[in-house]
C-alpha atoms as a PDB file:
ATOM      1  CA  MET A   1       0.000   0.000   0.000  1.00  0.00           C
ATOM      2  CA  LYS A   2       1.230   3.485  -0.833  1.00  0.00           C
ATOM      3  CA  CYS A   3       0.066   6.814   0.606  1.00  0.00           C
ATOM      4  CA  PRO A   4      -1.612   8.868  -2.146  1.00  0.00           C
ATOM      5  CA  TYR A   5      -0.614  12.124  -0.406  1.00  0.00           C
ATOM      6  CA  CYS A   6       3.120  11.740   0.317  1.00  0.00           C
ATOM      7  CA  GLY A   7       4.003   8.590  -1.651  1.00  0.00           C
ATOM      8  CA  SER A   8       5.368   6.737   1.388  1.00  0.00           C
ATOM      9  CA  GLU A   9       5.072   2.991   1.716  1.00  0.00           C
ATOM     10  CA  LYS A  10       5.622   3.197   5.495  1.00  0.00           C
ATOM     11  CA  ILE A  11       2.071   2.205   6.433  1.00  0.00           C
ATOM     12  CA  GLU A  12       1.003   0.802   9.808  1.00  0.00           C
ATOM     13  CA  PRO A  13      -2.058  -1.391   9.088  1.00  0.00           C
ATOM     14  CA  GLY A  14      -4.872  -2.171  11.525  1.00  0.00           C
ATOM     15  CA  VAL A  15      -4.354   0.487  14.196  1.00  0.00           C
ATOM     16  CA  ALA A  16      -7.284   0.160  16.643  1.00  0.00           C
ATOM     17  CA  TRP A  17      -9.234   3.248  17.644  1.00  0.00           C
ATOM     18  CA  GLY A  18      -9.336   3.837  21.379  1.00  0.00           C
ATOM     19  CA  LYS A  19     -10.559   6.386  23.866  1.00  0.00           C
ATOM     20  CA  THR A  20      -9.075   8.790  26.381  1.00  0.00           C
ATOM     21  CA  THR A  21      -9.999   9.143  30.036  1.00  0.00           C
ATOM     22  CA  GLY A  22     -12.349  12.015  29.147  1.00  0.00           C
ATOM     23  CA  VAL A  23     -14.647   9.798  27.058  1.00  0.00           C
ATOM     24  CA  SER A  24     -17.402   7.768  28.651  1.00  0.00           C
ATOM     25  CA  GLY A  25     -18.558   4.697  26.789  1.00  0.00           C
ATOM     26  CA  PRO A  26     -17.140   2.838  23.794  1.00  0.00           C
ATOM     27  CA  VAL A  27     -15.787   4.582  20.680  1.00  0.00           C
ATOM     28  CA  GLY A  28     -16.771   3.111  17.316  1.00  0.00           C
ATOM     29  CA  LEU A  29     -19.655   2.671  14.889  1.00  0.00           C
ATOM     30  CA  LYS A  30     -23.022   2.292  16.635  1.00  0.00           C
ATOM     31  CA  TYR A  31     -25.621  -0.286  15.656  1.00  0.00           C
ATOM     32  CA  GLN A  32     -28.954  -1.487  16.994  1.00  0.00           C
ATOM     33  CA  ALA A  33     -28.883  -5.016  18.445  1.00  0.00           C
ATOM     34  CA  GLY A  34     -32.485  -5.665  19.453  1.00  0.00           C
ATOM     35  CA  PRO A  35     -33.303  -3.315  22.347  1.00  0.00           C
ATOM     36  CA  LEU A  36     -29.592  -2.635  22.952  1.00  0.00           C
ATOM     37  CA  VAL A  37     -27.033  -0.498  21.147  1.00  0.00           C
ATOM     38  CA  GLY A  38     -23.729  -2.094  20.170  1.00  0.00           C
ATOM     39  CA  THR A  39     -20.447  -0.579  19.052  1.00  0.00           C
ATOM     40  CA  ALA A  40     -18.122  -2.025  16.414  1.00  0.00           C
ATOM     41  CA  GLN A  41     -14.379  -1.613  16.969  1.00  0.00           C
ATOM     42  CA  VAL A  42     -12.886   0.648  14.287  1.00  0.00           C
ATOM     43  CA  TYR A  43      -9.422   0.254  12.738  1.00  0.00           C
ATOM     44  CA  SER A  44      -7.366   2.462  10.406  1.00  0.00           C
ATOM     45  CA  ASP A  45      -4.291   2.066   8.231  1.00  0.00           C
ATOM     46  CA  LEU A  46      -1.941   4.959   9.119  1.00  0.00           C
ATOM     47  CA  CYS A  47       0.793   6.574   7.016  1.00  0.00           C
ATOM     48  CA  LEU A  48       3.801   6.870   9.345  1.00  0.00           C
ATOM     49  CA  VAL A  49       5.278   9.775   7.353  1.00  0.00           C
ATOM     50  CA  CYS A  50       2.438  12.278   6.926  1.00  0.00           C
ATOM     51  CA  GLY A  51      -0.122  10.907   9.423  1.00  0.00           C
ATOM     52  CA  THR A  52      -2.924  10.335   6.902  1.00  0.00           C
ATOM     53  CA  LEU A  53      -5.565   7.722   7.731  1.00  0.00           C
ATOM     54  CA  LEU A  54      -5.621   5.772   4.475  1.00  0.00           C
ATOM     55  CA  ARG A  55      -8.434   3.375   5.188  1.00  0.00           C
ATOM     56  CA  THR A  56     -10.886   3.059   8.064  1.00  0.00           C
ATOM     57  CA  TYR A  57     -12.785  -0.178   8.568  1.00  0.00           C
ATOM     58  CA  ILE A  58     -14.319  -2.739  10.921  1.00  0.00           C
ATOM     59  CA  LYS A  59     -13.415  -6.429  11.027  1.00  0.00           C
ATOM     60  CA  GLU A  60     -16.802  -7.785  12.107  1.00  0.00           C
ATOM     61  CA  ASP A  61     -19.969  -8.440  10.090  1.00  0.00           C
ATOM     62  CA  PRO A  62     -20.944  -5.213   8.258  1.00  0.00           C
ATOM     63  CA  ASN A  63     -24.574  -6.330   7.845  1.00  0.00           C
ATOM     64  CA  ARG A  64     -26.079  -4.595  10.869  1.00  0.00           C
ATOM     65  CA  LYS A  65     -28.746  -2.048  11.590  1.00  0.00           C
ATOM     66  CA  TRP A  66     -26.307   0.892  11.740  1.00  0.00           C
ATOM     67  CA  SER A  67     -27.241   3.993  13.716  1.00  0.00           C
ATOM     68  CA  HIS A  68     -27.187   7.407  12.041  1.00  0.00           C
ATOM     69  CA  LYS A  69     -27.922   9.296  15.271  1.00  0.00           C
ATOM     70  CA  SER A  70     -25.314  11.179  17.234  1.00  0.00           C
ATOM     71  CA  GLY A  71     -24.444   9.946  20.695  1.00  0.00           C
ATOM     72  CA  PHE A  72     -24.419  13.507  21.998  1.00  0.00           C
ATOM     73  CA  PRO A  73     -27.401  15.277  23.596  1.00  0.00           C
ATOM     74  CA  GLY A  74     -29.189  17.276  20.916  1.00  0.00           C
ATOM     75  CA  GLY A  75     -27.443  15.309  18.164  1.00  0.00           C
ATOM     76  CA  LYS A  76     -29.305  14.318  15.011  1.00  0.00           C
END
């Protein structure tokens, strides 16, 4: 894989998204799982030269009832 922005081939694949101490709850893509809401772990391929996220993806089944609502109060 090559970065389309800087041309580097120094790519770190599969970097997991995380959260900081200021975030409550999981970080990821939300989906409806019956009466509950689930969160899919998100990963990105990172260019180690310019810092561009080249690809963002999940590794689990993509066929879910994905949420389009914000997790923030007043979000749409």
